[in-house]
All heavy atoms as atom14 arrays in JSON, in Angstrom:
{
  "sequence": "AIRQFRLQRDLAARFVRDGMPELSAEVRGGAL",
  "atom14_mask": [
    [1, 1, 1, 1, 1, 0, 0, 0, 0, 0, 0, 0, 0, 0],
    [1, 1, 1, 1, 1, 1, 1, 1, 0, 0, 0, 0, 0, 0],
    [1, 1, 1, 1, 1, 1, 1, 1, 1, 1, 1, 0, 0, 0],
    [1, 1, 1, 1, 1, 1, 1, 1, 1, 0, 0, 0, 0, 0],
    [1, 1, 1, 1, 1, 1, 1, 1, 1, 1, 1, 0, 0, 0],
    [1, 1, 1, 1, 1, 1, 1, 1, 1, 1, 1, 0, 0, 0],
    [1, 1, 1, 1, 1, 1, 1, 1, 0, 0, 0, 0, 0, 0],
    [1, 1, 1, 1, 1, 1, 1, 1, 1, 0, 0, 0, 0, 0],
    [1, 1, 1, 1, 1, 1, 1, 1, 1, 1, 1, 0, 0, 0],
    [1, 1, 1, 1, 1, 1, 1, 1, 0, 0, 0, 0, 0, 0],
    [1, 1, 1, 1, 1, 1, 1, 1, 0, 0, 0, 0, 0, 0],
    [1, 1, 1, 1, 1, 0, 0, 0, 0, 0, 0, 0, 0, 0],
    [1, 1, 1, 1, 1, 0, 0, 0, 0, 0, 0, 0, 0, 0],
    [1, 1, 1, 1, 1, 1, 1, 1, 1, 1, 1, 0, 0, 0],
    [1, 1, 1, 1, 1, 1, 1, 1, 1, 1, 1, 0, 0, 0],
    [1, 1, 1, 1, 1, 1, 1, 0, 0, 0, 0, 0, 0, 0],
    [1, 1, 1, 1, 1, 1, 1, 1, 1, 1, 1, 0, 0, 0],
    [1, 1, 1, 1, 1, 1, 1, 1, 0, 0, 0, 0, 0, 0],
    [1, 1, 1, 1, 0, 0, 0, 0, 0, 0, 0, 0, 0, 0],
    [1, 1, 1, 1, 1, 1, 1, 1, 0, 0, 0, 0, 0, 0],
    [1, 1, 1, 1, 1, 1, 1, 0, 0, 0, 0, 0, 0, 0],
    [1, 1, 1, 1, 1, 1, 1, 1, 1, 0, 0, 0, 0, 0],
    [1, 1, 1, 1, 1, 1, 1, 1, 0, 0, 0, 0, 0, 0],
    [1, 1, 1, 1, 1, 1, 0, 0, 0, 0, 0, 0, 0, 0],
    [1, 1, 1, 1, 1, 0, 0, 0, 0, 0, 0, 0, 0, 0],
    [1, 1, 1, 1, 1, 1, 1, 1, 1, 0, 0, 0, 0, 0],
    [1, 1, 1, 1, 1, 1, 1, 0, 0, 0, 0, 0, 0, 0],
    [1, 1, 1, 1, 1, 1, 1, 1, 1, 1, 1, 0, 0, 0],
    [1, 1, 1, 1, 0, 0, 0, 0, 0, 0, 0, 0, 0, 0],
    [1, 1, 1, 1, 0, 0, 0, 0, 0, 0, 0, 0, 0, 0],
    [1, 1, 1, 1, 1, 0, 0, 0, 0, 0, 0, 0, 0, 0],
    [1, 1, 1, 1, 1, 1, 1, 1, 0, 0, 0, 0, 0, 0]
  ],
  "atom14_positions": [
    [[0.83, -1.21, 0.0], [0.0, 0.0, 0.0], [0.86, 1.26, 0.0], [0.56, 2.24, -0.7], [-0.93, -0.01, 1.21], [0.0, 0.0, 0.0], [0.0, 0.0, 0.0], [0.0, 0.0, 0.0], [0.0, 0.0, 0.0], [0.0, 0.0, 0.0], [0.0, 0.0, 0.0], [0.0, 0.0, 0.0], [0.0, 0.0, 0.0], [0.0, 0.0, 0.0]],
    [[1.94, 1.24, 0.75], [2.84, 2.39, 0.79], [3.44, 2.64, -0.58], [3.47, 3.77, -1.08], [3.95, 2.17, 1.85], [3.35, 2.25, 3.25], [5.09, 3.17, 1.67], [4.28, 1.75, 4.35], [0.0, 0.0, 0.0], [0.0, 0.0, 0.0], [0.0, 0.0, 0.0], [0.0, 0.0, 0.0], [0.0, 0.0, 0.0], [0.0, 0.0, 0.0]],
    [[3.9, 1.6, -1.21], [4.52, 1.75, -2.52], [3.49, 2.13, -3.59], [3.76, 2.92, -4.48], [5.28, 0.49, -2.89], [6.61, 0.45, -2.16], [7.13, -0.93, -1.92], [8.44, -0.83, -1.25], [8.58, -0.78, 0.08], [7.53, -0.79, 0.87], [9.78, -0.7, 0.61], [0.0, 0.0, 0.0], [0.0, 0.0, 0.0], [0.0, 0.0, 0.0]],
    [[2.3, 1.57, -3.48], [1.25, 1.91, -4.44], [0.89, 3.39, -4.31], [0.75, 4.09, -5.32], [0.03, 1.02, -4.22], [-1.03, 1.2, -5.27], [-2.11, 0.15, -5.16], [-1.83, -1.01, -4.85], [-3.33, 0.54, -5.41], [0.0, 0.0, 0.0], [0.0, 0.0, 0.0], [0.0, 0.0, 0.0], [0.0, 0.0, 0.0], [0.0, 0.0, 0.0]],
    [[0.77, 3.87, -3.08], [0.42, 5.27, -2.9], [1.53, 6.19, -3.41], [1.27, 7.2, -4.05], [0.13, 5.59, -1.43], [-0.15, 7.04, -1.22], [-1.35, 7.6, -1.63], [0.82, 7.87, -0.67], [-1.6, 8.95, -1.48], [0.58, 9.22, -0.51], [-0.62, 9.77, -0.91], [0.0, 0.0, 0.0], [0.0, 0.0, 0.0], [0.0, 0.0, 0.0]],
    [[2.77, 5.82, -3.14], [3.9, 6.64, -3.62], [3.88, 6.74, -5.13], [4.04, 7.83, -5.71], [5.21, 6.03, -3.14], [6.41, 6.79, -3.63], [7.69, 6.22, -3.03], [8.8, 6.84, -3.68], [9.71, 6.21, -4.41], [9.65, 4.91, -4.55], [10.69, 6.86, -4.97], [0.0, 0.0, 0.0], [0.0, 0.0, 0.0], [0.0, 0.0, 0.0]],
    [[3.67, 5.63, -5.79], [3.61, 5.62, -7.24], [2.41, 6.42, -7.74], [2.51, 7.21, -8.68], [3.56, 4.17, -7.74], [3.69, 3.9, -9.22], [4.94, 4.55, -9.81], [3.71, 2.39, -9.47], [0.0, 0.0, 0.0], [0.0, 0.0, 0.0], [0.0, 0.0, 0.0], [0.0, 0.0, 0.0], [0.0, 0.0, 0.0], [0.0, 0.0, 0.0]],
    [[1.26, 6.25, -7.09], [0.06, 7.01, -7.45], [0.31, 8.51, -7.33], [-0.05, 9.28, -8.22], [-1.11, 6.62, -6.55], [-2.35, 7.46, -6.81], [-3.48, 7.14, -5.85], [-3.42, 6.18, -5.09], [-4.52, 7.95, -5.88], [0.0, 0.0, 0.0], [0.0, 0.0, 0.0], [0.0, 0.0, 0.0], [0.0, 0.0, 0.0], [0.0, 0.0, 0.0]],
    [[0.91, 8.92, -6.24], [1.17, 10.35, -6.01], [2.04, 10.94, -7.12], [1.74, 11.99, -7.66], [1.84, 10.51, -4.64], [2.1, 11.94, -4.24], [2.95, 12.03, -2.99], [4.23, 11.39, -3.26], [4.9, 10.64, -2.39], [4.41, 10.43, -1.2], [6.05, 10.1, -2.73], [0.0, 0.0, 0.0], [0.0, 0.0, 0.0], [0.0, 0.0, 0.0]],
    [[3.1, 10.23, -7.48], [4.01, 10.75, -8.51], [3.36, 10.71, -9.9], [3.57, 11.61, -10.7], [5.32, 9.97, -8.5], [6.24, 10.42, -7.38], [5.75, 10.82, -6.31], [7.46, 10.37, -7.58], [0.0, 0.0, 0.0], [0.0, 0.0, 0.0], [0.0, 0.0, 0.0], [0.0, 0.0, 0.0], [0.0, 0.0, 0.0], [0.0, 0.0, 0.0]],
    [[2.59, 9.66, -10.16], [1.87, 9.61, -11.44], [0.85, 10.73, -11.54], [0.74, 11.4, -12.58], [1.19, 8.25, -11.62], [2.11, 7.09, -11.96], [1.37, 5.76, -11.77], [2.63, 7.21, -13.39], [0.0, 0.0, 0.0], [0.0, 0.0, 0.0], [0.0, 0.0, 0.0], [0.0, 0.0, 0.0], [0.0, 0.0, 0.0], [0.0, 0.0, 0.0]],
    [[0.1, 10.96, -10.47], [-0.89, 12.04, -10.47], [-0.23, 13.39, -10.69], [-0.74, 14.22, -11.46], [-1.69, 12.03, -9.16], [0.0, 0.0, 0.0], [0.0, 0.0, 0.0], [0.0, 0.0, 0.0], [0.0, 0.0, 0.0], [0.0, 0.0, 0.0], [0.0, 0.0, 0.0], [0.0, 0.0, 0.0], [0.0, 0.0, 0.0], [0.0, 0.0, 0.0]],
    [[0.9, 13.61, -10.04], [1.62, 14.88, -10.22], [2.02, 15.05, -11.69], [1.93, 16.14, -12.25], [2.84, 14.93, -9.31], [0.0, 0.0, 0.0], [0.0, 0.0, 0.0], [0.0, 0.0, 0.0], [0.0, 0.0, 0.0], [0.0, 0.0, 0.0], [0.0, 0.0, 0.0], [0.0, 0.0, 0.0], [0.0, 0.0, 0.0], [0.0, 0.0, 0.0]],
    [[2.46, 13.97, -12.31], [2.83, 14.03, -13.73], [1.62, 14.36, -14.58], [1.68, 15.2, -15.49], [3.45, 12.7, -14.15], [3.57, 12.45, -15.63], [4.52, 13.44, -16.35], [4.46, 13.23, -17.77], [5.14, 12.32, -18.44], [5.98, 11.53, -17.82], [4.99, 12.21, -19.74], [0.0, 0.0, 0.0], [0.0, 0.0, 0.0], [0.0, 0.0, 0.0]],
    [[0.49, 13.7, -14.31], [-0.71, 13.97, -15.08], [-1.16, 15.42, -14.94], [-1.59, 16.05, -15.91], [-1.85, 13.02, -14.68], [-1.65, 11.59, -15.15], [-1.8, 10.54, -14.26], [-1.32, 11.3, -16.46], [-1.64, 9.23, -14.68], [-1.15, 10.0, -16.89], [-1.3, 8.96, -15.99], [0.0, 0.0, 0.0], [0.0, 0.0, 0.0], [0.0, 0.0, 0.0]],
    [[-1.07, 15.96, -13.73], [-1.44, 17.36, -13.51], [-0.5, 18.28, -14.29], [-0.95, 19.23, -14.94], [-1.44, 17.7, -11.99], [-1.51, 19.2, -11.76], [-2.6, 16.99, -11.3], [0.0, 0.0, 0.0], [0.0, 0.0, 0.0], [0.0, 0.0, 0.0], [0.0, 0.0, 0.0], [0.0, 0.0, 0.0], [0.0, 0.0, 0.0], [0.0, 0.0, 0.0]],
    [[0.8, 17.99, -14.26], [1.76, 18.79, -15.04], [1.43, 18.74, -16.53], [1.65, 19.71, -17.25], [3.19, 18.28, -14.83], [3.86, 18.78, -13.59], [5.36, 18.53, -13.57], [5.75, 17.17, -13.91], [5.81, 16.15, -13.05], [5.47, 16.32, -11.79], [6.2, 14.95, -13.46], [0.0, 0.0, 0.0], [0.0, 0.0, 0.0], [0.0, 0.0, 0.0]],
    [[0.88, 17.6, -16.96], [0.51, 17.45, -18.37], [-0.84, 18.09, -18.69], [-1.3, 18.0, -19.82], [0.49, 15.97, -18.76], [1.87, 15.35, -18.82], [2.88, 16.09, -18.75], [1.95, 14.11, -18.92], [0.0, 0.0, 0.0], [0.0, 0.0, 0.0], [0.0, 0.0, 0.0], [0.0, 0.0, 0.0], [0.0, 0.0, 0.0], [0.0, 0.0, 0.0]],
    [[-1.49, 18.69, -17.68], [-2.73, 19.41, -17.92], [-4.01, 18.67, -17.55], [-5.1, 19.18, -17.8], [0.0, 0.0, 0.0], [0.0, 0.0, 0.0], [0.0, 0.0, 0.0], [0.0, 0.0, 0.0], [0.0, 0.0, 0.0], [0.0, 0.0, 0.0], [0.0, 0.0, 0.0], [0.0, 0.0, 0.0], [0.0, 0.0, 0.0], [0.0, 0.0, 0.0]],
    [[-3.92, 17.52, -16.95], [-5.1, 16.76, -16.56], [-5.69, 17.38, -15.29], [-4.94, 17.78, -14.4], [-4.72, 15.3, -16.31], [-5.9, 14.37, -16.09], [-5.39, 12.64, -15.81], [-4.97, 12.14, -17.47], [0.0, 0.0, 0.0], [0.0, 0.0, 0.0], [0.0, 0.0, 0.0], [0.0, 0.0, 0.0], [0.0, 0.0, 0.0], [0.0, 0.0, 0.0]],
    [[-7.02, 17.45, -15.18], [-7.63, 17.93, -13.94], [-7.21, 17.05, -12.76], [-6.98, 15.85, -12.91], [-9.13, 17.81, -14.2], [-9.26, 17.8, -15.68], [-8.02, 17.15, -16.21], [0.0, 0.0, 0.0], [0.0, 0.0, 0.0], [0.0, 0.0, 0.0], [0.0, 0.0, 0.0], [0.0, 0.0, 0.0], [0.0, 0.0, 0.0], [0.0, 0.0, 0.0]],
    [[-7.11, 17.65, -11.57], [-6.56, 16.98, -10.41], [-7.28, 15.68, -10.05], [-6.64, 14.66, -9.79], [-6.55, 17.93, -9.2], [-5.62, 17.46, -8.12], [-5.37, 18.53, -7.09], [-5.14, 19.69, -7.46], [-5.4, 18.17, -5.9], [0.0, 0.0, 0.0], [0.0, 0.0, 0.0], [0.0, 0.0, 0.0], [0.0, 0.0, 0.0], [0.0, 0.0, 0.0]],
    [[-8.61, 15.68, -10.04], [-9.34, 14.46, -9.69], [-9.07, 13.37, -10.72], [-8.79, 12.21, -10.35], [-10.85, 14.73, -9.59], [-11.71, 13.52, -9.28], [-11.31, 12.88, -7.95], [-13.19, 13.9, -9.29], [0.0, 0.0, 0.0], [0.0, 0.0, 0.0], [0.0, 0.0, 0.0], [0.0, 0.0, 0.0], [0.0, 0.0, 0.0], [0.0, 0.0, 0.0]],
    [[-9.11, 13.71, -11.96], [-8.81, 12.73, -13.02], [-7.4, 12.19, -12.88], [-7.15, 11.0, -13.05], [-8.98, 13.36, -14.4], [-10.3, 13.78, -14.59], [0.0, 0.0, 0.0], [0.0, 0.0, 0.0], [0.0, 0.0, 0.0], [0.0, 0.0, 0.0], [0.0, 0.0, 0.0], [0.0, 0.0, 0.0], [0.0, 0.0, 0.0], [0.0, 0.0, 0.0]],
    [[-6.46, 13.08, -12.54], [-5.07, 12.67, -12.37], [-4.92, 11.69, -11.21], [-4.19, 10.69, -11.32], [-4.2, 13.9, -12.15], [0.0, 0.0, 0.0], [0.0, 0.0, 0.0], [0.0, 0.0, 0.0], [0.0, 0.0, 0.0], [0.0, 0.0, 0.0], [0.0, 0.0, 0.0], [0.0, 0.0, 0.0], [0.0, 0.0, 0.0], [0.0, 0.0, 0.0]],
    [[-5.6, 11.96, -10.12], [-5.54, 11.05, -8.95], [-6.13, 9.68, -9.29], [-5.55, 8.65, -8.94], [-6.3, 11.65, -7.76], [-5.59, 12.78, -7.09], [-4.35, 12.35, -6.31], [-4.3, 11.2, -5.82], [-3.43, 13.17, -6.2], [0.0, 0.0, 0.0], [0.0, 0.0, 0.0], [0.0, 0.0, 0.0], [0.0, 0.0, 0.0], [0.0, 0.0, 0.0]],
    [[-7.26, 9.68, -9.97], [-7.91, 8.41, -10.32], [-7.04, 7.63, -11.31], [-6.82, 6.42, -11.14], [-9.33, 8.65, -10.88], [-9.92, 7.38, -11.45], [-10.23, 9.22, -9.78], [0.0, 0.0, 0.0], [0.0, 0.0, 0.0], [0.0, 0.0, 0.0], [0.0, 0.0, 0.0], [0.0, 0.0, 0.0], [0.0, 0.0, 0.0], [0.0, 0.0, 0.0]],
    [[-6.55, 8.3, -12.33], [-5.71, 7.62, -13.33], [-4.42, 7.12, -12.7], [-3.98, 5.99, -12.95], [-5.41, 8.59, -14.48], [-4.59, 7.97, -15.58], [-5.43, 7.05, -16.44], [-4.6, 6.56, -17.52], [-4.49, 5.27, -17.85], [-5.19, 4.36, -17.21], [-3.72, 4.9, -18.82], [0.0, 0.0, 0.0], [0.0, 0.0, 0.0], [0.0, 0.0, 0.0]],
    [[-3.81, 7.93, -11.85], [-2.59, 7.52, -11.15], [-2.85, 6.33, -10.25], [-2.04, 5.4, -10.16], [0.0, 0.0, 0.0], [0.0, 0.0, 0.0], [0.0, 0.0, 0.0], [0.0, 0.0, 0.0], [0.0, 0.0, 0.0], [0.0, 0.0, 0.0], [0.0, 0.0, 0.0], [0.0, 0.0, 0.0], [0.0, 0.0, 0.0], [0.0, 0.0, 0.0]],
    [[-4.02, 6.34, -9.57], [-4.38, 5.21, -8.71], [-4.58, 3.94, -9.5], [-4.15, 2.86, -9.08], [0.0, 0.0, 0.0], [0.0, 0.0, 0.0], [0.0, 0.0, 0.0], [0.0, 0.0, 0.0], [0.0, 0.0, 0.0], [0.0, 0.0, 0.0], [0.0, 0.0, 0.0], [0.0, 0.0, 0.0], [0.0, 0.0, 0.0], [0.0, 0.0, 0.0]],
    [[-5.23, 4.04, -10.63], [-5.48, 2.86, -11.46], [-4.16, 2.27, -11.98], [-3.95, 1.05, -11.92], [-6.4, 3.21, -12.63], [0.0, 0.0, 0.0], [0.0, 0.0, 0.0], [0.0, 0.0, 0.0], [0.0, 0.0, 0.0], [0.0, 0.0, 0.0], [0.0, 0.0, 0.0], [0.0, 0.0, 0.0], [0.0, 0.0, 0.0], [0.0, 0.0, 0.0]],
    [[-3.27, 3.13, -12.44], [-2.0, 2.64, -12.97], [-1.11, 2.06, -11.87], [-0.48, 1.02, -12.07], [-1.27, 3.75, -13.72], [-1.91, 4.19, -15.03], [-1.14, 5.37, -15.63], [-2.0, 3.05, -16.02], [0.0, 0.0, 0.0], [0.0, 0.0, 0.0], [0.0, 0.0, 0.0], [0.0, 0.0, 0.0], [0.0, 0.0, 0.0], [0.0, 0.0, 0.0]]
  ]
}
């Protein structure tokens, strides 16, 4: 769970930098 959350957090940050809305970025990062 710790590693999954860390990966999700960094993926979401990347998606936000790429212009994705924050909620969408969190969900997509969580799924990946």
